[in-house]
Amino acid sequence: QNRLFDPILAKVFTQLLGIYPVGSCLELDTGEVAIVMRQNPSTIDLPIVKVIVDGNNNKIDGRTVDLAVDTSVKIVRPTYPQLFGINPAVYFV
């Protein structure tokens, strides 16, 4: 049985959560790992992230990057925070 979603509701839902929800971990093309801090209202596929693991796999309190503004940094893929011993909730307390 085929089910279709209302396109307007689907768009609103995607804009609300974003492609990468807040708290998601992303591997960047710099070799760093970042956590999504908030959505970017202008571009849902380019969130605002905080770098939490450097290129040598060291946990750091890194910079915040608006991926829509800093176009030199790209998302490679989502990753599991457990691989790096990270609890995303710590960054939102």
PDB file of N, CA and C in Angstrom:
ATOM      1  N   GLN A   1       0.839  -1.172   0.000  1.00  0.00           N
ATOM      2  CA  GLN A   1       0.000   0.000   0.000  1.00  0.00           C
ATOM      3  C   GLN A   1       0.890   1.243   0.000  1.00  0.00           C
ATOM      4  N   ASN A   2       0.705   2.106  -0.963  1.00  0.00           N
ATOM      5  CA  ASN A   2       1.496   3.328  -1.071  1.00  0.00           C
ATOM      6  C   ASN A   2       0.932   4.408  -0.161  1.00  0.00           C
ATOM      7  N   ARG A   3       1.834   5.106   0.516  1.00  0.00           N
ATOM      8  CA  ARG A   3       1.433   6.233   1.364  1.00  0.00           C
ATOM      9  C   ARG A   3       2.264   7.433   0.943  1.00  0.00           C
ATOM     10  N   LEU A   4       1.615   8.518   0.809  1.00  0.00           N
ATOM     11  CA  LEU A   4       2.307   9.747   0.446  1.00  0.00           C
ATOM     12  C   LEU A   4       2.259  10.717   1.613  1.00  0.00           C
ATOM     13  N   PHE A   5       3.296  11.494   1.733  1.00  0.00           N
ATOM     14  CA  PHE A   5       3.344  12.518   2.756  1.00  0.00           C
ATOM     15  C   PHE A   5       2.955  13.853   2.140  1.00  0.00           C
ATOM     16  N   ASP A   6       2.275  14.646   2.909  1.00  0.00           N
ATOM     17  CA  ASP A   6       1.937  15.994   2.471  1.00  0.00           C
ATOM     18  C   ASP A   6       3.254  16.742   2.263  1.00  0.00           C
ATOM     19  N   PRO A   7       3.506  17.256   1.062  1.00  0.00           N
ATOM     20  CA  PRO A   7       4.808  17.895   0.787  1.00  0.00           C
ATOM     21  C   PRO A   7       5.083  19.102   1.676  1.00  0.00           C
ATOM     22  N   ILE A   8       4.063  19.840   2.037  1.00  0.00           N
ATOM     23  CA  ILE A   8       4.277  21.016   2.896  1.00  0.00           C
ATOM     24  C   ILE A   8       4.675  20.571   4.297  1.00  0.00           C
ATOM     25  N   LEU A   9       3.989  19.559   4.827  1.00  0.00           N
ATOM     26  CA  LEU A   9       4.343  19.062   6.157  1.00  0.00           C
ATOM     27  C   LEU A   9       5.726  18.428   6.160  1.00  0.00           C
ATOM     28  N   ALA A  10       6.075  17.717   5.108  1.00  0.00           N
ATOM     29  CA  ALA A  10       7.401  17.100   5.016  1.00  0.00           C
ATOM     30  C   ALA A  10       8.487  18.179   5.002  1.00  0.00           C
ATOM     31  N   LYS A  11       8.248  19.261   4.288  1.00  0.00           N
ATOM     32  CA  LYS A  11       9.230  20.355   4.213  1.00  0.00           C
ATOM     33  C   LYS A  11       9.379  21.038   5.573  1.00  0.00           C
ATOM     34  N   VAL A  12       8.265  21.291   6.240  1.00  0.00           N
ATOM     35  CA  VAL A  12       8.314  21.921   7.563  1.00  0.00           C
ATOM     36  C   VAL A  12       9.057  21.019   8.550  1.00  0.00           C
ATOM     37  N   PHE A  13       8.774  19.726   8.510  1.00  0.00           N
ATOM     38  CA  PHE A  13       9.439  18.770   9.393  1.00  0.00           C
ATOM     39  C   PHE A  13      10.942  18.759   9.138  1.00  0.00           C
ATOM     40  N   THR A  14      11.348  18.728   7.893  1.00  0.00           N
ATOM     41  CA  THR A  14      12.767  18.719   7.545  1.00  0.00           C
ATOM     42  C   THR A  14      13.440  20.015   7.973  1.00  0.00           C
ATOM     43  N   GLN A  15      12.764  21.139   7.810  1.00  0.00           N
ATOM     44  CA  GLN A  15      13.338  22.417   8.234  1.00  0.00           C
ATOM     45  C   GLN A  15      13.476  22.481   9.742  1.00  0.00           C
ATOM     46  N   LEU A  16      12.531  21.864  10.444  1.00  0.00           N
ATOM     47  CA  LEU A  16      12.574  21.874  11.897  1.00  0.00           C
ATOM     48  C   LEU A  16      13.740  21.049  12.423  1.00  0.00           C
ATOM     49  N   LEU A  17      13.879  19.836  11.927  1.00  0.00           N
ATOM     50  CA  LEU A  17      14.938  18.944  12.399  1.00  0.00           C
ATOM     51  C   LEU A  17      16.244  19.111  11.648  1.00  0.00           C
ATOM     52  N   GLY A  18      16.154  19.530  10.406  1.00  0.00           N
ATOM     53  CA  GLY A  18      17.344  19.623   9.573  1.00  0.00           C
ATOM     54  C   GLY A  18      17.734  18.259   9.040  1.00  0.00           C
ATOM     55  N   ILE A  19      18.669  18.249   8.156  1.00  0.00           N
ATOM     56  CA  ILE A  19      19.193  16.997   7.619  1.00  0.00           C
ATOM     57  C   ILE A  19      20.018  16.303   8.701  1.00  0.00           C
ATOM     58  N   TYR A  20      20.735  17.106   9.467  1.00  0.00           N
ATOM     59  CA  TYR A  20      21.555  16.612  10.572  1.00  0.00           C
ATOM     60  C   TYR A  20      20.989  17.211  11.859  1.00  0.00           C
ATOM     61  N   PRO A  21      20.224  16.441  12.641  1.00  0.00           N
ATOM     62  CA  PRO A  21      19.614  16.977  13.864  1.00  0.00           C
ATOM     63  C   PRO A  21      20.645  17.462  14.883  1.00  0.00           C
ATOM     64  N   VAL A  22      20.232  18.392  15.727  1.00  0.00           N
ATOM     65  CA  VAL A  22      21.092  18.888  16.801  1.00  0.00           C
ATOM     66  C   VAL A  22      21.563  17.700  17.627  1.00  0.00           C
ATOM     67  N   GLY A  23      22.864  17.680  17.931  1.00  0.00           N
ATOM     68  CA  GLY A  23      23.455  16.584  18.690  1.00  0.00           C
ATOM     69  C   GLY A  23      24.103  15.517  17.819  1.00  0.00           C
ATOM     70  N   SER A  24      23.872  15.589  16.504  1.00  0.00           N
ATOM     71  CA  SER A  24      24.498  14.634  15.590  1.00  0.00           C
ATOM     72  C   SER A  24      25.997  14.891  15.515  1.00  0.00           C
ATOM     73  N   CYS A  25      26.756  13.824  15.315  1.00  0.00           N
ATOM     74  CA  CYS A  25      28.204  13.947  15.113  1.00  0.00           C
ATOM     75  C   CYS A  25      28.501  13.801  13.626  1.00  0.00           C
ATOM     76  N   LEU A  26      29.377  14.656  13.151  1.00  0.00           N
ATOM     77  CA  LEU A  26      29.731  14.662  11.733  1.00  0.00           C
ATOM     78  C   LEU A  26      31.244  14.598  11.570  1.00  0.00           C
ATOM     79  N   GLU A  27      31.682  13.793  10.629  1.00  0.00           N
ATOM     80  CA  GLU A  27      33.091  13.779  10.248  1.00  0.00           C
ATOM     81  C   GLU A  27      33.270  14.836   9.171  1.00  0.00           C
ATOM     82  N   LEU A  28      34.277  15.674   9.338  1.00  0.00           N
ATOM     83  CA  LEU A  28      34.550  16.752   8.383  1.00  0.00           C
ATOM     84  C   LEU A  28      35.733  16.383   7.496  1.00  0.00           C
ATOM     85  N   ASP A  29      35.834  17.049   6.354  1.00  0.00           N
ATOM     86  CA  ASP A  29      36.932  16.741   5.429  1.00  0.00           C
ATOM     87  C   ASP A  29      38.289  17.201   5.953  1.00  0.00           C
ATOM     88  N   THR A  30      38.299  17.889   7.074  1.00  0.00           N
ATOM     89  CA  THR A  30      39.545  18.308   7.720  1.00  0.00           C
ATOM     90  C   THR A  30      40.112  17.202   8.602  1.00  0.00           C
ATOM     91  N   GLY A  31      39.358  16.077   8.723  1.00  0.00           N
ATOM     92  CA  GLY A  31      39.754  14.993   9.604  1.00  0.00           C
ATOM     93  C   GLY A  31      39.217  15.182  11.012  1.00  0.00           C
ATOM     94  N   GLU A  32      38.532  16.287  11.245  1.00  0.00           N
ATOM     95  CA  GLU A  32      37.965  16.581  12.556  1.00  0.00           C
ATOM     96  C   GLU A  32      36.560  15.985  12.672  1.00  0.00           C
ATOM     97  N   VAL A  33      36.086  15.896  13.903  1.00  0.00           N
ATOM     98  CA  VAL A  33      34.713  15.486  14.178  1.00  0.00           C
ATOM     99  C   VAL A  33      34.042  16.647  14.888  1.00  0.00           C
ATOM    100  N   ALA A  34      32.817  16.929  14.487  1.00  0.00           N
ATOM    101  CA  ALA A  34      32.075  18.054  15.061  1.00  0.00           C
ATOM    102  C   ALA A  34      30.684  17.591  15.464  1.00  0.00           C
ATOM    103  N   ILE A  35      30.104  18.339  16.385  1.00  0.00           N
ATOM    104  CA  ILE A  35      28.743  18.060  16.830  1.00  0.00           C
ATOM    105  C   ILE A  35      27.840  19.197  16.355  1.00  0.00           C
ATOM    106  N   VAL A  36      26.662  18.853  15.882  1.00  0.00           N
ATOM    107  CA  VAL A  36      25.720  19.868  15.398  1.00  0.00           C
ATOM    108  C   VAL A  36      25.163  20.611  16.606  1.00  0.00           C
ATOM    109  N   MET A  37      25.387  21.920  16.636  1.00  0.00           N
ATOM    110  CA  MET A  37      24.928  22.750  17.740  1.00  0.00           C
ATOM    111  C   MET A  37      23.548  23.354  17.465  1.00  0.00           C
ATOM    112  N   ARG A  38      23.346  23.754  16.231  1.00  0.00           N
ATOM    113  CA  ARG A  38      22.032  24.294  15.847  1.00  0.00           C
ATOM    114  C   ARG A  38      21.883  24.268  14.336  1.00  0.00           C
ATOM    115  N   GLN A  39      20.643  24.360  13.929  1.00  0.00           N
ATOM    116  CA  GLN A  39      20.338  24.367  12.502  1.00  0.00           C
ATOM    117  C   GLN A  39      20.663  25.736  11.919  1.00  0.00           C
ATOM    118  N   ASN A  40      20.926  25.723  10.652  1.00  0.00           N
ATOM    119  CA  ASN A  40      21.164  26.963   9.931  1.00  0.00           C
ATOM    120  C   ASN A  40      19.887  27.257   9.152  1.00  0.00           C
ATOM    121  N   PRO A  41      19.142  28.284   9.532  1.00  0.00           N
ATOM    122  CA  PRO A  41      17.851  28.519   8.884  1.00  0.00           C
ATOM    123  C   PRO A  41      17.934  28.743   7.378  1.00  0.00           C
ATOM    124  N   SER A  42      19.072  29.242   6.920  1.00  0.00           N
ATOM    125  CA  SER A  42      19.189  29.531   5.485  1.00  0.00           C
ATOM    126  C   SER A  42      19.535  28.301   4.654  1.00  0.00           C
ATOM    127  N   THR A  43      20.213  27.325   5.260  1.00  0.00           N
ATOM    128  CA  THR A  43      20.624  26.118   4.531  1.00  0.00           C
ATOM    129  C   THR A  43      20.542  24.922   5.458  1.00  0.00           C
ATOM    130  N   ILE A  44      19.509  24.090   5.266  1.00  0.00           N
ATOM    131  CA  ILE A  44      19.279  22.996   6.213  1.00  0.00           C
ATOM    132  C   ILE A  44      20.326  21.895   6.145  1.00  0.00           C
ATOM    133  N   ASP A  45      21.082  21.834   5.056  1.00  0.00           N
ATOM    134  CA  ASP A  45      22.107  20.791   4.947  1.00  0.00           C
ATOM    135  C   ASP A  45      23.485  21.269   5.392  1.00  0.00           C
ATOM    136  N   LEU A  46      23.575  22.504   5.881  1.00  0.00           N
ATOM    137  CA  LEU A  46      24.848  23.054   6.363  1.00  0.00           C
ATOM    138  C   LEU A  46      24.645  23.656   7.746  1.00  0.00           C
ATOM    139  N   PRO A  47      24.668  22.821   8.788  1.00  0.00           N
ATOM    140  CA  PRO A  47      24.399  23.309  10.143  1.00  0.00           C
ATOM    141  C   PRO A  47      25.575  24.080  10.740  1.00  0.00           C
ATOM    142  N   ILE A  48      25.344  24.594  11.922  1.00  0.00           N
ATOM    143  CA  ILE A  48      26.395  25.237  12.705  1.00  0.00           C
ATOM    144  C   ILE A  48      26.918  24.175  13.663  1.00  0.00           C
ATOM    145  N   VAL A  49      28.222  23.930  13.619  1.00  0.00           N
ATOM    146  CA  VAL A  49      28.819  22.814  14.357  1.00  0.00           C
ATOM    147  C   VAL A  49      29.942  23.293  15.268  1.00  0.00           C
ATOM    148  N   LYS A  50      30.268  22.477  16.263  1.00  0.00           N
ATOM    149  CA  LYS A  50      31.412  22.728  17.143  1.00  0.00           C
ATOM    150  C   LYS A  50      32.369  21.558  16.988  1.00  0.00           C
ATOM    151  N   VAL A  51      33.617  21.865  16.692  1.00  0.00           N
ATOM    152  CA  VAL A  51      34.637  20.827  16.535  1.00  0.00           C
ATOM    153  C   VAL A  51      34.981  20.300  17.927  1.00  0.00           C
ATOM    154  N   ILE A  52      34.890  18.965  18.079  1.00  0.00           N
ATOM    155  CA  ILE A  52      35.136  18.352  19.388  1.00  0.00           C
ATOM    156  C   ILE A  52      36.239  17.293  19.351  1.00  0.00           C
ATOM    157  N   VAL A  53      36.666  16.909  18.151  1.00  0.00           N
ATOM    158  CA  VAL A  53      37.788  15.972  18.002  1.00  0.00           C
ATOM    159  C   VAL A  53      38.670  16.510  16.880  1.00  0.00           C
ATOM    160  N   ASP A  54      39.963  16.639  17.166  1.00  0.00           N
ATOM    161  CA  ASP A  54      40.864  17.172  16.141  1.00  0.00           C
ATOM    162  C   ASP A  54      41.281  16.080  15.157  1.00  0.00           C
ATOM    163  N   GLY A  55      42.108  16.437  14.219  1.00  0.00           N
ATOM    164  CA  GLY A  55      42.545  15.507  13.178  1.00  0.00           C
ATOM    165  C   GLY A  55      43.384  14.350  13.689  1.00  0.00           C
ATOM    166  N   ASN A  56      43.866  14.432  14.948  1.00  0.00           N
ATOM    167  CA  ASN A  56      44.658  13.367  15.551  1.00  0.00           C
ATOM    168  C   ASN A  56      43.834  12.550  16.550  1.00  0.00           C
ATOM    169  N   ASN A  57      42.508  12.671  16.462  1.00  0.00           N
ATOM    170  CA  ASN A  57      41.562  11.962  17.347  1.00  0.00           C
ATOM    171  C   ASN A  57      41.670  12.357  18.813  1.00  0.00           C
ATOM    172  N   ASN A  58      42.117  13.585  19.082  1.00  0.00           N
ATOM    173  CA  ASN A  58      42.148  14.103  20.447  1.00  0.00           C
ATOM    174  C   ASN A  58      40.882  14.901  20.702  1.00  0.00           C
ATOM    175  N   LYS A  59      40.252  14.673  21.855  1.00  0.00           N
ATOM    176  CA  LYS A  59      39.092  15.472  22.222  1.00  0.00           C
ATOM    177  C   LYS A  59      39.554  16.891  22.509  1.00  0.00           C
ATOM    178  N   ILE A  60      38.843  17.858  21.958  1.00  0.00           N
ATOM    179  CA  ILE A  60      39.197  19.263  22.147  1.00  0.00           C
ATOM    180  C   ILE A  60      37.935  20.085  22.355  1.00  0.00           C
ATOM    181  N   ASP A  61      38.116  21.283  22.854  1.00  0.00           N
ATOM    182  CA  ASP A  61      37.044  22.268  22.922  1.00  0.00           C
ATOM    183  C   ASP A  61      37.308  23.228  21.766  1.00  0.00           C
ATOM    184  N   GLY A  62      36.917  22.810  20.576  1.00  0.00           N
ATOM    185  CA  GLY A  62      37.308  23.508  19.357  1.00  0.00           C
ATOM    186  C   GLY A  62      36.408  24.658  18.967  1.00  0.00           C
ATOM    187  N   ARG A  63      36.647  25.110  17.787  1.00  0.00           N
ATOM    188  CA  ARG A  63      35.950  26.271  17.244  1.00  0.00           C
ATOM    189  C   ARG A  63      34.528  25.907  16.816  1.00  0.00           C
ATOM    190  N   THR A  64      33.711  26.932  16.712  1.00  0.00           N
ATOM    191  CA  THR A  64      32.366  26.781  16.167  1.00  0.00           C
ATOM    192  C   THR A  64      32.418  27.220  14.720  1.00  0.00           C
ATOM    193  N   VAL A  65      31.808  26.419  13.846  1.00  0.00           N
ATOM    194  CA  VAL A  65      31.876  26.685  12.408  1.00  0.00           C
ATOM    195  C   VAL A  65      30.467  26.713  11.836  1.00  0.00           C
ATOM    196  N   ASP A  66      30.142  27.795  11.160  1.00  0.00           N
ATOM    197  CA  ASP A  66      28.903  27.858  10.387  1.00  0.00           C
ATOM    198  C   ASP A  66      29.255  27.340   9.001  1.00  0.00           C
ATOM    199  N   LEU A  67      28.818  26.124   8.710  1.00  0.00           N
ATOM    200  CA  LEU A  67      29.216  25.484   7.455  1.00  0.00           C
ATOM    201  C   LEU A  67      28.656  26.184   6.222  1.00  0.00           C
ATOM    202  N   ALA A  68      27.640  27.023   6.394  1.00  0.00           N
ATOM    203  CA  ALA A  68      27.112  27.796   5.267  1.00  0.00           C
ATOM    204  C   ALA A  68      28.015  28.985   4.958  1.00  0.00           C
ATOM    205  N   VAL A  69      28.777  29.434   5.955  1.00  0.00           N
ATOM    206  CA  VAL A  69      29.664  30.590   5.780  1.00  0.00           C
ATOM    207  C   VAL A  69      31.081  30.136   5.431  1.00  0.00           C
ATOM    208  N   ASP A  70      31.601  29.172   6.193  1.00  0.00           N
ATOM    209  CA  ASP A  70      32.950  28.667   5.946  1.00  0.00           C
ATOM    210  C   ASP A  70      32.862  27.515   4.940  1.00  0.00           C
ATOM    211  N   THR A  71      32.924  27.865   3.681  1.00  0.00           N
ATOM    212  CA  THR A  71      32.752  26.869   2.614  1.00  0.00           C
ATOM    213  C   THR A  71      34.017  26.034   2.383  1.00  0.00           C
ATOM    214  N   SER A  72      35.084  26.300   3.145  1.00  0.00           N
ATOM    215  CA  SER A  72      36.299  25.490   3.007  1.00  0.00           C
ATOM    216  C   SER A  72      36.173  24.177   3.774  1.00  0.00           C
ATOM    217  N   VAL A  73      35.181  24.073   4.649  1.00  0.00           N
ATOM    218  CA  VAL A  73      34.966  22.857   5.447  1.00  0.00           C
ATOM    219  C   VAL A  73      33.728  22.145   4.928  1.00  0.00           C
ATOM    220  N   LYS A  74      33.863  20.849   4.670  1.00  0.00           N
ATOM    221  CA  LYS A  74      32.757  20.044   4.123  1.00  0.00           C
ATOM    222  C   LYS A  74      32.460  18.864   5.038  1.00  0.00           C
ATOM    223  N   ILE A  75      31.198  18.446   5.034  1.00  0.00           N
ATOM    224  CA  ILE A  75      30.790  17.250   5.758  1.00  0.00           C
ATOM    225  C   ILE A  75      31.142  16.037   4.910  1.00  0.00           C
ATOM    226  N   VAL A  76      31.830  15.069   5.520  1.00  0.00           N
ATOM    227  CA  VAL A  76      32.138  13.823   4.830  1.00  0.00           C
ATOM    228  C   VAL A  76      31.018  12.825   5.058  1.00  0.00           C
ATOM    229  N   ARG A  77      30.643  12.661   6.348  1.00  0.00           N
ATOM    230  CA  ARG A  77      29.578  11.707   6.686  1.00  0.00           C
ATOM    231  C   ARG A  77      29.196  11.872   8.148  1.00  0.00           C
ATOM    232  N   PRO A  78      27.989  11.443   8.482  1.00  0.00           N
ATOM    233  CA  PRO A  78      27.633  11.352   9.910  1.00  0.00           C
ATOM    234  C   PRO A  78      28.443  10.224  10.549  1.00  0.00           C
ATOM    235  N   THR A  79      28.697  10.326  11.837  1.00  0.00           N
ATOM    236  CA  THR A  79      29.437   9.293  12.538  1.00  0.00           C
ATOM    237  C   THR A  79      28.824   9.079  13.913  1.00  0.00           C
ATOM    238  N   TYR A  80      29.182   7.986  14.543  1.00  0.00           N
ATOM    239  CA  TYR A  80      28.672   7.669  15.872  1.00  0.00           C
ATOM    240  C   TYR A  80      29.549   8.318  16.935  1.00  0.00           C
ATOM    241  N   PRO A  81      28.966   9.068  17.859  1.00  0.00           N
ATOM    242  CA  PRO A  81      29.784   9.696  18.907  1.00  0.00           C
ATOM    243  C   PRO A  81      30.478   8.667  19.799  1.00  0.00           C
ATOM    244  N   GLN A  82      29.890   7.478  19.930  1.00  0.00           N
ATOM    245  CA  GLN A  82      30.474   6.438  20.764  1.00  0.00           C
ATOM    246  C   GLN A  82      31.853   6.002  20.263  1.00  0.00           C
ATOM    247  N   LEU A  83      32.081   6.129  18.971  1.00  0.00           N
ATOM    248  CA  LEU A  83      33.394   5.766  18.418  1.00  0.00           C
ATOM    249  C   LEU A  83      34.510   6.628  18.996  1.00  0.00           C
ATOM    250  N   PHE A  84      34.143   7.795  19.502  1.00  0.00           N
ATOM    251  CA  PHE A  84      35.132   8.743  20.016  1.00  0.00           C
ATOM    252  C   PHE A  84      34.979   8.952  21.521  1.00  0.00           C
ATOM    253  N   GLY A  85      34.132   8.129  22.150  1.00  0.00           N
ATOM    254  CA  GLY A  85      33.904   8.268  23.592  1.00  0.00           C
ATOM    255  C   GLY A  85      33.221   9.565  23.958  1.00  0.00           C
ATOM    256  N   ILE A  86      32.321  10.008  23.100  1.00  0.00           N
ATOM    257  CA  ILE A  86      31.658  11.299  23.279  1.00  0.00           C
ATOM    258  C   ILE A  86      30.202  11.095  23.671  1.00  0.00           C
ATOM    259  N   ASN A  87      29.757  11.890  24.639  1.00  0.00           N
ATOM    260  CA  ASN A  87      28.349  11.955  25.001  1.00  0.00           C
ATOM    261  C   ASN A  87      27.836  13.315  24.533  1.00  0.00           C
ATOM    262  N   PRO A  88      27.065  13.375  23.443  1.00  0.00           N
ATOM    263  CA  PRO A  88      26.613  14.666  22.913  1.00  0.00           C
ATOM    264  C   PRO A  88      25.852  15.520  23.922  1.00  0.00           C
ATOM    265  N   ALA A  89      25.166  14.909  24.874  1.00  0.00           N
ATOM    266  CA  ALA A  89      24.375  15.653  25.846  1.00  0.00           C
ATOM    267  C   ALA A  89      25.242  16.606  26.672  1.00  0.00           C
ATOM    268  N   VAL A  90      26.513  16.286  26.861  1.00  0.00           N
ATOM    269  CA  VAL A  90      27.418  17.122  27.642  1.00  0.00           C
ATOM    270  C   VAL A  90      27.537  18.524  27.035  1.00  0.00           C
ATOM    271  N   TYR A  91      27.399  18.630  25.749  1.00  0.00           N
ATOM    272  CA  TYR A  91      27.569  19.909  25.063  1.00  0.00           C
ATOM    273  C   TYR A  91      26.338  20.802  25.129  1.00  0.00           C
ATOM    274  N   PHE A  92      25.264  20.293  25.715  1.00  0.00           N
ATOM    275  CA  PHE A  92      24.035  21.066  25.758  1.00  0.00           C
ATOM    276  C   PHE A  92      23.529  21.303  27.173  1.00  0.00           C
ATOM    277  N   VAL A  93      24.396  21.102  28.157  1.00  0.00           N
ATOM    278  CA  VAL A  93      24.008  21.305  29.556  1.00  0.00           C
ATOM    279  C   VAL A  93      24.422  22.682  30.013  1.00  0.00           C
TER     280      VAL A  93
END
